[in-house]
Amino acid sequence: MRRGGLLSEFTDARMFGAVDCPQMQESEPLRGLREDHRSFVFPFAVLFLVWCFVQVLPTAFTRAFMAQRVWADIAVGFPFVLGRFVTTVAIAMAYAAFANRRLAPQSARIRETLEGTGSGA
């Protein structure tokens, strides 16, 4: 008799052996992976939110300043918006590099341990 939902065959314990999920969640490798992930995500999230508020507040409260022309028909607000776009792309690229350099090797070792193909099993 089939139990579970659509993905139950992919998460079935028979497929990976008997994996103790609560024990794995508290393991040192996974804890290190979470710490490394958070060490990047939390500071950058705070910095980006501060940057967004720095951009949104003048837009909301100093319309005359944001409407001043900088060059030709480009107002002060345009570089702000462009800066937000560039910042978003830069953070995404920095995270991709960080994840490839620091997170991917750790997650591969954890995956090998869970699948029983690594030296940890």
C-alpha atoms as a PDB file:
ATOM      1  CA  MET A   1       0.000   0.000   0.000  1.00  0.00           C
ATOM      2  CA  ARG A   2       1.343   3.399  -0.971  1.00  0.00           C
ATOM      3  CA  ARG A   3       1.623   6.005   1.754  1.00  0.00           C
ATOM      4  CA  GLY A   4       2.499   9.663   1.664  1.00  0.00           C
ATOM      5  CA  GLY A   5       2.210  12.249  -1.015  1.00  0.00           C
ATOM      6  CA  LEU A   6       3.639  12.809  -4.430  1.00  0.00           C
ATOM      7  CA  LEU A   7       7.280  12.923  -3.301  1.00  0.00           C
ATOM      8  CA  SER A   8       7.118  10.106  -0.767  1.00  0.00           C
ATOM      9  CA  GLU A   9       9.049   7.723  -3.016  1.00  0.00           C
ATOM     10  CA  PHE A  10      11.911  10.219  -3.127  1.00  0.00           C
ATOM     11  CA  THR A  11      12.044  10.643   0.624  1.00  0.00           C
ATOM     12  CA  ASP A  12      11.375   7.036   1.545  1.00  0.00           C
ATOM     13  CA  ALA A  13      13.858   5.719   4.125  1.00  0.00           C
ATOM     14  CA  ARG A  14      14.405   2.584   2.037  1.00  0.00           C
ATOM     15  CA  MET A  15      15.938   4.682  -0.717  1.00  0.00           C
ATOM     16  CA  PHE A  16      18.657   6.231   1.453  1.00  0.00           C
ATOM     17  CA  GLY A  17      18.836   3.684   4.221  1.00  0.00           C
ATOM     18  CA  ALA A  18      17.818   4.526   7.752  1.00  0.00           C
ATOM     19  CA  VAL A  19      18.665   8.223   8.040  1.00  0.00           C
ATOM     20  CA  ASP A  20      18.051   9.746  11.434  1.00  0.00           C
ATOM     21  CA  CYS A  21      16.892  13.218  10.346  1.00  0.00           C
ATOM     22  CA  PRO A  22      16.790  14.863  13.799  1.00  0.00           C
ATOM     23  CA  GLN A  23      20.296  13.583  14.520  1.00  0.00           C
ATOM     24  CA  MET A  24      21.520  14.778  11.124  1.00  0.00           C
ATOM     25  CA  GLN A  25      19.964  18.207  11.669  1.00  0.00           C
ATOM     26  CA  GLU A  26      21.965  18.572  14.878  1.00  0.00           C
ATOM     27  CA  SER A  27      25.196  17.208  13.368  1.00  0.00           C
ATOM     28  CA  GLU A  28      28.291  19.369  13.243  1.00  0.00           C
ATOM     29  CA  PRO A  29      28.573  19.433   9.408  1.00  0.00           C
ATOM     30  CA  LEU A  30      25.000  20.645   8.946  1.00  0.00           C
ATOM     31  CA  ARG A  31      25.341  23.126  11.794  1.00  0.00           C
ATOM     32  CA  GLY A  32      28.476  24.511  10.121  1.00  0.00           C
ATOM     33  CA  LEU A  33      26.670  24.748   6.797  1.00  0.00           C
ATOM     34  CA  ARG A  34      23.816  26.689   8.393  1.00  0.00           C
ATOM     35  CA  GLU A  35      26.257  29.031  10.168  1.00  0.00           C
ATOM     36  CA  ASP A  36      28.175  29.725   6.964  1.00  0.00           C
ATOM     37  CA  HIS A  37      24.935  30.347   5.065  1.00  0.00           C
ATOM     38  CA  ARG A  38      23.651  32.711   7.739  1.00  0.00           C
ATOM     39  CA  SER A  39      27.005  34.506   7.960  1.00  0.00           C
ATOM     40  CA  PHE A  40      26.455  35.681   4.397  1.00  0.00           C
ATOM     41  CA  VAL A  41      22.688  36.019   4.135  1.00  0.00           C
ATOM     42  CA  PHE A  42      21.866  37.944   7.310  1.00  0.00           C
ATOM     43  CA  PRO A  43      24.426  40.782   6.929  1.00  0.00           C
ATOM     44  CA  PHE A  44      23.665  41.227   3.244  1.00  0.00           C
ATOM     45  CA  ALA A  45      19.917  41.168   3.878  1.00  0.00           C
ATOM     46  CA  VAL A  46      20.277  43.894   6.514  1.00  0.00           C
ATOM     47  CA  LEU A  47      22.538  45.988   4.277  1.00  0.00           C
ATOM     48  CA  PHE A  48      20.184  45.631   1.327  1.00  0.00           C
ATOM     49  CA  LEU A  49      17.124  46.554   3.399  1.00  0.00           C
ATOM     50  CA  VAL A  50      18.914  49.609   4.768  1.00  0.00           C
ATOM     51  CA  TRP A  51      19.880  50.560   1.214  1.00  0.00           C
ATOM     52  CA  CYS A  52      16.266  50.136   0.084  1.00  0.00           C
ATOM     53  CA  PHE A  53      15.015  52.386   2.873  1.00  0.00           C
ATOM     54  CA  VAL A  54      17.703  54.949   2.033  1.00  0.00           C
ATOM     55  CA  GLN A  55      16.353  54.917  -1.502  1.00  0.00           C
ATOM     56  CA  VAL A  56      12.636  54.795  -0.688  1.00  0.00           C
ATOM     57  CA  LEU A  57      12.513  57.438   2.049  1.00  0.00           C
ATOM     58  CA  PRO A  58      13.829  60.308  -0.103  1.00  0.00           C
ATOM     59  CA  THR A  59      11.503  59.186  -2.881  1.00  0.00           C
ATOM     60  CA  ALA A  60       8.538  59.333  -0.530  1.00  0.00           C
ATOM     61  CA  PHE A  61       9.334  62.537   1.340  1.00  0.00           C
ATOM     62  CA  THR A  62      11.545  64.715  -0.880  1.00  0.00           C
ATOM     63  CA  ARG A  63       9.885  64.595  -4.259  1.00  0.00           C
ATOM     64  CA  ALA A  64      11.369  67.926  -5.310  1.00  0.00           C
ATOM     65  CA  PHE A  65      14.903  66.685  -4.624  1.00  0.00           C
ATOM     66  CA  MET A  66      14.334  63.381  -6.423  1.00  0.00           C
ATOM     67  CA  ALA A  67      12.842  65.220  -9.418  1.00  0.00           C
ATOM     68  CA  GLN A  68      15.897  67.468  -9.903  1.00  0.00           C
ATOM     69  CA  ARG A  69      17.608  66.867 -13.183  1.00  0.00           C
ATOM     70  CA  VAL A  70      21.112  65.480 -13.045  1.00  0.00           C
ATOM     71  CA  TRP A  71      21.835  65.318 -16.737  1.00  0.00           C
ATOM     72  CA  ALA A  72      19.491  65.963 -19.667  1.00  0.00           C
ATOM     73  CA  ASP A  73      16.154  64.357 -18.730  1.00  0.00           C
ATOM     74  CA  ILE A  74      17.591  62.101 -16.036  1.00  0.00           C
ATOM     75  CA  ALA A  75      16.401  62.951 -12.534  1.00  0.00           C
ATOM     76  CA  VAL A  76      18.114  62.143  -9.229  1.00  0.00           C
ATOM     77  CA  GLY A  77      15.716  59.233  -8.698  1.00  0.00           C
ATOM     78  CA  PHE A  78      16.974  57.321 -11.740  1.00  0.00           C
ATOM     79  CA  PRO A  79      20.496  56.703 -10.366  1.00  0.00           C
ATOM     80  CA  PHE A  80      18.872  55.556  -7.112  1.00  0.00           C
ATOM     81  CA  VAL A  81      16.782  52.970  -8.939  1.00  0.00           C
ATOM     82  CA  LEU A  82      19.694  51.960 -11.131  1.00  0.00           C
ATOM     83  CA  GLY A  83      21.820  51.613  -8.007  1.00  0.00           C
ATOM     84  CA  ARG A  84      19.270  49.293  -6.461  1.00  0.00           C
ATOM     85  CA  PHE A  85      19.260  47.115  -9.580  1.00  0.00           C
ATOM     86  CA  VAL A  86      23.065  47.019  -9.717  1.00  0.00           C
ATOM     87  CA  THR A  87      23.208  46.223  -5.998  1.00  0.00           C
ATOM     88  CA  THR A  88      20.743  43.357  -6.429  1.00  0.00           C
ATOM     89  CA  VAL A  89      22.789  41.849  -9.252  1.00  0.00           C
ATOM     90  CA  ALA A  90      26.042  42.333  -7.328  1.00  0.00           C
ATOM     91  CA  ILE A  91      24.653  40.624  -4.223  1.00  0.00           C
ATOM     92  CA  ALA A  92      23.321  37.739  -6.323  1.00  0.00           C
ATOM     93  CA  MET A  93      26.721  37.291  -7.984  1.00  0.00           C
ATOM     94  CA  ALA A  94      28.525  37.518  -4.641  1.00  0.00           C
ATOM     95  CA  TYR A  95      26.194  34.910  -3.142  1.00  0.00           C
ATOM     96  CA  ALA A  96      26.680  32.567  -6.099  1.00  0.00           C
ATOM     97  CA  ALA A  97      30.454  32.820  -5.722  1.00  0.00           C
ATOM     98  CA  PHE A  98      30.216  32.373  -1.952  1.00  0.00           C
ATOM     99  CA  ALA A  99      27.904  29.370  -2.295  1.00  0.00           C
ATOM    100  CA  ASN A 100      30.141  27.712  -4.884  1.00  0.00           C
ATOM    101  CA  ARG A 101      33.245  28.332  -2.801  1.00  0.00           C
ATOM    102  CA  ARG A 102      31.999  27.609   0.731  1.00  0.00           C
ATOM    103  CA  LEU A 103      28.549  25.998   0.742  1.00  0.00           C
ATOM    104  CA  ALA A 104      28.689  23.563  -2.181  1.00  0.00           C
ATOM    105  CA  PRO A 105      31.644  21.520  -0.854  1.00  0.00           C
ATOM    106  CA  GLN A 106      30.026  21.253   2.584  1.00  0.00           C
ATOM    107  CA  SER A 107      26.666  20.226   1.174  1.00  0.00           C
ATOM    108  CA  ALA A 108      28.352  17.650  -1.092  1.00  0.00           C
ATOM    109  CA  ARG A 109      30.048  16.062   1.953  1.00  0.00           C
ATOM    110  CA  ILE A 110      26.730  16.006   3.814  1.00  0.00           C
ATOM    111  CA  ARG A 111      24.980  14.474   0.794  1.00  0.00           C
ATOM    112  CA  GLU A 112      27.695  11.812   0.490  1.00  0.00           C
ATOM    113  CA  THR A 113      27.305  10.984   4.155  1.00  0.00           C
ATOM    114  CA  LEU A 114      23.526  10.706   3.845  1.00  0.00           C
ATOM    115  CA  GLU A 115      23.715   8.585   0.712  1.00  0.00           C
ATOM    116  CA  GLY A 116      26.380   6.382   2.236  1.00  0.00           C
ATOM    117  CA  THR A 117      28.948   7.028  -0.498  1.00  0.00           C
ATOM    118  CA  GLY A 118      31.322   9.184   1.507  1.00  0.00           C
ATOM    119  CA  SER A 119      33.970   8.350   4.051  1.00  0.00           C
ATOM    120  CA  GLY A 120      31.608   9.464   6.838  1.00  0.00           C
ATOM    121  CA  ALA A 121      29.288   6.462   6.383  1.00  0.00           C
END
